[in-house]
Amino acid sequence: MNIQVGAVSNTNLSFTYTDGSATAPKISSLSPSSSNPAKKGVLNITGSGFGTNSSQVNVFLANSSGKIYQLSILKITDTLM
């Protein structure tokens, strides 16, 4: 394989590509289906592949004007947040 960046070229490099789409988290439902980030409440997200370590997951909610809010994760399992 030949890798070239600008004028630098190297033919001795190799790499492995892993397609993560098969292991990417999948969301199947939200409850409630909409929420107001200005009001405190709980948003349950069900699906699969979430993992169990909340420090490795970020959840954001955007309102209709495009403002984005980061949500706190209270509890996480591989299928429920």
C-alpha atoms as a PDB file:
ATOM      1  CA  MET A   1       0.000   0.000   0.000  1.00  0.00           C
ATOM      2  CA  ASN A   2       1.225   3.489  -0.794  1.00  0.00           C
ATOM      3  CA  ILE A   3       0.336   6.270   1.630  1.00  0.00           C
ATOM      4  CA  GLN A   4       0.979   9.833   0.481  1.00  0.00           C
ATOM      5  CA  VAL A   5       0.497  13.072   2.401  1.00  0.00           C
ATOM      6  CA  GLY A   6       1.601  16.084   0.394  1.00  0.00           C
ATOM      7  CA  ALA A   7       5.070  15.313  -0.989  1.00  0.00           C
ATOM      8  CA  VAL A   8       5.787  12.579   1.582  1.00  0.00           C
ATOM      9  CA  SER A   9       5.160   9.020   0.402  1.00  0.00           C
ATOM     10  CA  ASN A  10       5.687   5.651   2.103  1.00  0.00           C
ATOM     11  CA  THR A  11       4.985   2.223   0.612  1.00  0.00           C
ATOM     12  CA  ASN A  12       5.849   0.234   3.764  1.00  0.00           C
ATOM     13  CA  LEU A  13       2.769   1.196   5.766  1.00  0.00           C
ATOM     14  CA  SER A  14      -0.250  -0.956   6.447  1.00  0.00           C
ATOM     15  CA  PHE A  15      -3.440  -0.406   8.382  1.00  0.00           C
ATOM     16  CA  THR A  16      -6.530  -2.221   9.543  1.00  0.00           C
ATOM     17  CA  TYR A  17      -9.972  -0.687   9.131  1.00  0.00           C
ATOM     18  CA  THR A  18     -12.787  -1.742  11.434  1.00  0.00           C
ATOM     19  CA  ASP A  19     -16.324  -0.794  10.457  1.00  0.00           C
ATOM     20  CA  GLY A  20     -18.022   0.145  13.728  1.00  0.00           C
ATOM     21  CA  SER A  21     -21.536   0.372  12.279  1.00  0.00           C
ATOM     22  CA  ALA A  22     -22.399  -3.146  13.440  1.00  0.00           C
ATOM     23  CA  THR A  23     -21.562  -2.233  17.040  1.00  0.00           C
ATOM     24  CA  ALA A  24     -22.828   1.347  17.063  1.00  0.00           C
ATOM     25  CA  PRO A  25     -25.589   2.070  19.594  1.00  0.00           C
ATOM     26  CA  LYS A  26     -29.121   1.879  18.202  1.00  0.00           C
ATOM     27  CA  ILE A  27     -32.024   3.887  19.605  1.00  0.00           C
ATOM     28  CA  SER A  28     -35.428   2.236  19.332  1.00  0.00           C
ATOM     29  CA  SER A  29     -37.573   4.636  21.384  1.00  0.00           C
ATOM     30  CA  LEU A  30     -37.674   7.765  23.505  1.00  0.00           C
ATOM     31  CA  SER A  31     -40.095   8.306  26.364  1.00  0.00           C
ATOM     32  CA  PRO A  32     -41.515  10.892  26.393  1.00  0.00           C
ATOM     33  CA  SER A  33     -41.163  11.432  22.651  1.00  0.00           C
ATOM     34  CA  SER A  34     -40.266  15.098  23.234  1.00  0.00           C
ATOM     35  CA  SER A  35     -38.985  17.058  26.178  1.00  0.00           C
ATOM     36  CA  ASN A  36     -38.245  20.629  27.212  1.00  0.00           C
ATOM     37  CA  PRO A  37     -34.620  21.043  28.357  1.00  0.00           C
ATOM     38  CA  ALA A  38     -35.617  24.108  30.407  1.00  0.00           C
ATOM     39  CA  LYS A  39     -37.800  21.890  32.616  1.00  0.00           C
ATOM     40  CA  LYS A  40     -36.354  19.151  34.768  1.00  0.00           C
ATOM     41  CA  GLY A  41     -37.558  15.689  33.907  1.00  0.00           C
ATOM     42  CA  VAL A  42     -36.464  12.234  32.869  1.00  0.00           C
ATOM     43  CA  LEU A  43     -36.017  11.100  29.270  1.00  0.00           C
ATOM     44  CA  ASN A  44     -35.799   7.313  28.888  1.00  0.00           C
ATOM     45  CA  ILE A  45     -33.880   6.110  25.843  1.00  0.00           C
ATOM     46  CA  THR A  46     -34.259   2.434  24.948  1.00  0.00           C
ATOM     47  CA  GLY A  47     -32.303   0.512  22.370  1.00  0.00           C
ATOM     48  CA  SER A  48     -29.104  -1.538  22.313  1.00  0.00           C
ATOM     49  CA  GLY A  49     -25.347  -1.147  22.464  1.00  0.00           C
ATOM     50  CA  PHE A  50     -25.241   1.721  24.977  1.00  0.00           C
ATOM     51  CA  GLY A  51     -22.665   0.047  27.209  1.00  0.00           C
ATOM     52  CA  THR A  52     -22.734   0.380  30.975  1.00  0.00           C
ATOM     53  CA  ASN A  53     -20.199   3.156  31.640  1.00  0.00           C
ATOM     54  CA  SER A  54     -21.897   6.556  31.698  1.00  0.00           C
ATOM     55  CA  SER A  55     -18.538   8.353  31.445  1.00  0.00           C
ATOM     56  CA  GLN A  56     -18.195   6.983  27.901  1.00  0.00           C
ATOM     57  CA  VAL A  57     -21.606   8.234  26.720  1.00  0.00           C
ATOM     58  CA  ASN A  58     -22.845  11.743  25.919  1.00  0.00           C
ATOM     59  CA  VAL A  59     -26.492  12.603  25.290  1.00  0.00           C
ATOM     60  CA  PHE A  60     -27.605  15.909  23.777  1.00  0.00           C
ATOM     61  CA  LEU A  61     -31.046  17.414  23.215  1.00  0.00           C
ATOM     62  CA  ALA A  62     -31.604  20.141  20.619  1.00  0.00           C
ATOM     63  CA  ASN A  63     -34.577  22.474  20.590  1.00  0.00           C
ATOM     64  CA  SER A  64     -36.384  23.737  17.495  1.00  0.00           C
ATOM     65  CA  SER A  65     -34.118  26.794  17.222  1.00  0.00           C
ATOM     66  CA  GLY A  66     -31.000  24.612  17.165  1.00  0.00           C
ATOM     67  CA  LYS A  67     -29.773  25.272  20.711  1.00  0.00           C
ATOM     68  CA  ILE A  68     -28.100  22.115  22.042  1.00  0.00           C
ATOM     69  CA  TYR A  69     -28.227  20.973  25.669  1.00  0.00           C
ATOM     70  CA  GLN A  70     -26.113  18.209  27.190  1.00  0.00           C
ATOM     71  CA  LEU A  71     -28.172  15.889  29.402  1.00  0.00           C
ATOM     72  CA  SER A  72     -26.998  14.156  32.563  1.00  0.00           C
ATOM     73  CA  ILE A  73     -27.139  10.372  32.547  1.00  0.00           C
ATOM     74  CA  LEU A  74     -28.792   9.138  35.725  1.00  0.00           C
ATOM     75  CA  LYS A  75     -28.657   5.400  34.982  1.00  0.00           C
ATOM     76  CA  ILE A  76     -27.327   3.318  32.105  1.00  0.00           C
ATOM     77  CA  THR A  77     -27.594  -0.285  31.014  1.00  0.00           C
ATOM     78  CA  ASP A  78     -26.761  -1.705  27.610  1.00  0.00           C
ATOM     79  CA  THR A  79     -30.418  -1.261  26.584  1.00  0.00           C
ATOM     80  CA  LEU A  80     -31.705   1.703  28.660  1.00  0.00           C
ATOM     81  CA  MET A  81     -30.542   5.216  29.542  1.00  0.00           C
END
